[in-house]
Amino acid sequence: MTTVRRLSVIAVSVLWALQLGAGGGGGGTYTALDGTAQPLKDAFNADVGKVRLVMYVSPTCGECLRGAKQSQKDVLATIDDANLRIYIVWAPKNGGRQQDVGRVTQIVTDPRAAQYWDGHRVLTDAYDRMLALSGPCAGIFMLYGRQARWEGTAPPRADYLEDAHAEEFNRPYPQYDPRRFAAKVQEMLKTRTE
């Protein structure tokens, strides 16, 4: 093998390893949250003045994945507004592990979206307590108005949410319906801060 060819193989191997380290492995990229979820908190607060959608989903839950796919198709692809930001929080629920995340990040391809892995369970535990979630899965789709700020350690309560598992686990939230959710996003985008 020539030196040039050997260096090319090494360069490709290094790039592939870097992609895996960043959450790649054939999928899109994501940020592994630290024990305080600071990267997401910083992004959320930097986007004050915009409507924010948080998808709290498991990478191994069929309903969560279906909801994320429907969100991409029926919500994000139909709403071309720079004042909408999307955060996908992949939760370690329903047996979800970090190695599952890389392959599912391709479901939501919208360039406004940032994806996170909650391996320290900071948001998983906070949302489970805040929303009194029963059942082994996540599947919560939340909207935050332009004024929402994340002040404390726990994330703020959503201004609106729907649940992909509402009927299945008898939860007190509306069953996720992507078309209704898209209408709510549109409504919130029309509302300007005063």
Protein backbone atom coordinates (compact mmCIF):
# COMPACT_ATOMS: atom_id res chain seq x y z
CA MET A 1 0.00 0.00 0.00
CA THR A 2 1.42 3.39 -0.95
CA THR A 3 1.97 6.10 1.65
CA VAL A 4 -0.69 8.32 0.04
CA ARG A 5 -3.23 5.51 0.06
CA ARG A 6 -2.35 4.61 3.67
CA LEU A 7 -2.84 8.25 4.73
CA SER A 8 -6.18 8.37 2.90
CA VAL A 9 -7.38 5.25 4.74
CA ILE A 10 -6.23 6.74 8.06
CA ALA A 11 -7.97 10.06 7.32
CA VAL A 12 -11.25 8.33 6.43
CA SER A 13 -10.98 6.16 9.57
CA VAL A 14 -10.40 9.21 11.76
CA LEU A 15 -13.37 11.05 10.24
CA TRP A 16 -15.59 7.99 10.73
CA ALA A 17 -14.45 7.68 14.36
CA LEU A 18 -15.14 11.37 14.97
CA GLN A 19 -18.64 10.98 13.54
CA LEU A 20 -19.29 8.04 15.87
CA GLY A 21 -18.03 10.05 18.81
CA ALA A 22 -20.39 12.88 17.95
CA GLY A 23 -23.35 10.56 17.90
CA GLY A 24 -23.04 9.46 14.31
CA GLY A 25 -22.77 5.84 13.32
CA GLY A 26 -24.83 6.17 10.20
CA GLY A 27 -27.30 8.56 11.76
CA GLY A 28 -27.46 12.27 12.32
CA THR A 29 -25.73 14.17 15.03
CA TYR A 30 -26.88 14.85 18.56
CA THR A 31 -25.50 16.28 21.78
CA ALA A 32 -25.21 14.11 24.86
CA LEU A 33 -26.54 16.23 27.70
CA ASP A 34 -24.50 16.68 30.83
CA GLY A 35 -25.88 16.21 34.35
CA THR A 36 -27.54 19.63 34.25
CA ALA A 37 -28.85 19.60 30.64
CA GLN A 38 -26.99 22.89 30.22
CA PRO A 39 -26.53 22.67 26.43
CA LEU A 40 -30.30 22.42 25.92
CA LYS A 41 -31.05 25.04 28.58
CA ASP A 42 -28.64 27.46 26.88
CA ALA A 43 -30.17 26.84 23.44
CA PHE A 44 -33.71 27.15 24.80
CA ASN A 45 -32.95 30.50 26.45
CA ALA A 46 -31.02 31.78 23.42
CA ASP A 47 -34.20 31.24 21.41
CA VAL A 48 -36.45 33.38 23.63
CA GLY A 49 -38.63 35.33 21.19
CA LYS A 50 -39.24 32.23 19.08
CA VAL A 51 -41.82 29.46 19.45
CA ARG A 52 -40.11 26.28 20.66
CA LEU A 53 -41.20 22.69 20.13
CA VAL A 54 -39.73 20.01 22.39
CA MET A 55 -40.19 16.38 21.44
CA TYR A 56 -39.57 14.14 24.46
CA VAL A 57 -39.26 10.71 22.86
CA SER A 58 -37.58 7.33 23.27
CA PRO A 59 -35.35 5.92 20.50
CA THR A 60 -36.88 2.45 21.02
CA CYS A 61 -40.57 3.27 21.31
CA GLY A 62 -42.68 2.72 18.20
CA GLU A 63 -45.26 5.40 19.07
CA CYS A 64 -42.49 7.92 19.89
CA LEU A 65 -40.76 7.25 16.58
CA ARG A 66 -44.06 7.39 14.69
CA GLY A 67 -44.85 10.71 16.38
CA ALA A 68 -41.42 12.13 15.50
CA LYS A 69 -41.85 11.00 11.88
CA GLN A 70 -45.35 12.51 11.71
CA SER A 71 -44.01 15.74 13.22
CA GLN A 72 -41.39 15.98 10.49
CA LYS A 73 -43.93 15.30 7.73
CA ASP A 74 -47.07 17.07 8.97
CA VAL A 75 -45.70 19.83 11.20
CA LEU A 76 -42.14 20.84 10.36
CA ALA A 77 -42.27 20.27 6.59
CA THR A 78 -45.47 22.34 6.37
CA ILE A 79 -44.37 25.27 8.53
CA ASP A 80 -41.51 27.20 6.97
CA ASP A 81 -41.00 29.83 9.65
CA ALA A 82 -37.62 30.87 11.05
CA ASN A 83 -39.35 31.76 14.33
CA LEU A 84 -39.84 28.07 15.16
CA ARG A 85 -37.11 26.10 16.92
CA ILE A 86 -37.21 22.35 17.53
CA TYR A 87 -35.44 20.35 20.23
CA ILE A 88 -35.64 16.56 20.22
CA VAL A 89 -34.79 14.98 23.57
CA TRP A 90 -34.11 11.26 23.19
CA ALA A 91 -34.95 9.71 26.56
CA PRO A 92 -33.60 6.50 28.10
CA LYS A 93 -37.09 5.07 28.42
CA ASN A 94 -38.53 1.83 27.05
CA GLY A 95 -35.01 0.37 27.09
CA GLY A 96 -33.55 3.21 25.01
CA ARG A 97 -29.76 3.47 25.05
CA GLN A 98 -27.30 5.96 23.62
CA GLN A 99 -26.27 3.55 20.88
CA ASP A 100 -29.90 3.62 19.65
CA VAL A 101 -29.90 7.39 19.13
CA GLY A 102 -27.62 7.74 16.09
CA ARG A 103 -29.92 5.76 13.81
CA VAL A 104 -33.12 7.58 14.83
CA THR A 105 -31.80 11.12 14.48
CA GLN A 106 -32.48 10.81 10.74
CA ILE A 107 -36.22 10.81 11.39
CA VAL A 108 -36.31 14.56 12.03
CA THR A 109 -34.26 16.24 9.32
CA ASP A 110 -35.47 19.81 9.70
CA PRO A 111 -32.47 22.19 9.86
CA ARG A 112 -34.14 24.13 12.72
CA ALA A 113 -33.95 21.01 14.91
CA ALA A 114 -31.29 20.19 17.50
CA GLN A 115 -31.18 16.68 18.96
CA TYR A 116 -30.08 15.60 22.43
CA TRP A 117 -29.52 12.38 24.37
CA ASP A 118 -30.58 12.52 28.04
CA GLY A 119 -28.30 9.76 29.33
CA HIS A 120 -28.07 11.33 32.80
CA ARG A 121 -31.90 11.28 33.01
CA VAL A 122 -32.02 14.95 34.00
CA LEU A 123 -34.97 15.76 31.73
CA THR A 124 -36.41 12.26 31.85
CA ASP A 125 -36.83 12.45 35.62
CA ALA A 126 -37.95 16.11 35.54
CA TYR A 127 -40.63 15.53 32.88
CA ASP A 128 -41.80 12.29 34.50
CA ARG A 129 -42.33 14.17 37.80
CA MET A 130 -43.74 17.35 36.26
CA LEU A 131 -46.19 15.55 33.98
CA ALA A 132 -46.90 12.58 36.29
CA LEU A 133 -46.20 10.21 33.41
CA SER A 134 -47.35 6.64 33.82
CA GLY A 135 -46.10 3.88 31.58
CA PRO A 136 -42.63 3.05 30.30
CA CYS A 137 -42.54 5.53 27.40
CA ALA A 138 -42.17 9.21 26.70
CA GLY A 139 -43.89 10.45 23.53
CA ILE A 140 -44.67 14.00 24.68
CA PHE A 141 -44.78 16.85 22.16
CA MET A 142 -44.59 20.27 23.86
CA LEU A 143 -44.88 23.86 22.69
CA TYR A 144 -43.41 26.87 24.43
CA GLY A 145 -44.39 30.42 23.59
CA ARG A 146 -41.96 33.17 22.71
CA GLN A 147 -41.67 34.40 26.30
CA ALA A 148 -40.82 31.07 27.95
CA ARG A 149 -37.50 30.96 29.82
CA TRP A 150 -35.77 28.08 31.55
CA GLU A 151 -34.80 29.59 34.91
CA GLY A 152 -34.32 26.73 37.39
CA THR A 153 -32.88 23.26 37.19
CA ALA A 154 -36.12 21.72 35.87
CA PRO A 155 -37.42 22.74 32.44
CA PRO A 156 -40.42 25.09 32.37
CA ARG A 157 -43.95 23.79 31.98
CA ALA A 158 -45.09 23.74 28.38
CA ASP A 159 -47.74 26.16 27.19
CA TYR A 160 -49.30 23.31 25.22
CA LEU A 161 -48.64 19.59 24.91
CA GLU A 162 -49.95 16.44 23.32
CA ASP A 163 -49.11 12.85 24.25
CA ALA A 164 -48.53 9.95 21.85
CA HIS A 165 -49.47 7.54 24.66
CA ALA A 166 -52.42 9.40 26.21
CA GLU A 167 -55.00 6.75 25.33
CA GLU A 168 -52.70 3.76 25.81
CA PHE A 169 -51.62 4.72 29.35
CA ASN A 170 -54.76 6.69 30.29
CA ARG A 171 -52.83 9.94 30.67
CA PRO A 172 -54.71 13.24 31.12
CA TYR A 173 -53.37 14.93 27.99
CA PRO A 174 -54.71 15.18 24.43
CA GLN A 175 -53.69 12.26 22.20
CA TYR A 176 -51.00 13.45 19.76
CA ASP A 177 -52.51 14.49 16.44
CA PRO A 178 -49.93 16.04 14.10
CA ARG A 179 -52.43 18.12 12.13
CA ARG A 180 -54.01 19.60 15.26
CA PHE A 181 -50.52 20.14 16.67
CA ALA A 182 -49.44 21.94 13.46
CA ALA A 183 -52.48 24.23 13.77
CA LYS A 184 -51.44 25.04 17.35
CA VAL A 185 -47.88 25.80 16.19
CA GLN A 186 -49.29 28.14 13.51
CA GLU A 187 -51.49 29.85 16.10
CA MET A 188 -48.54 30.39 18.45
CA LEU A 189 -46.37 31.71 15.62
CA LYS A 190 -49.03 34.33 14.80
CA THR A 191 -49.01 35.55 18.40
CA ARG A 192 -46.35 38.21 18.85
CA THR A 193 -44.88 39.24 22.17
CA GLU A 194 -45.97 42.66 23.30
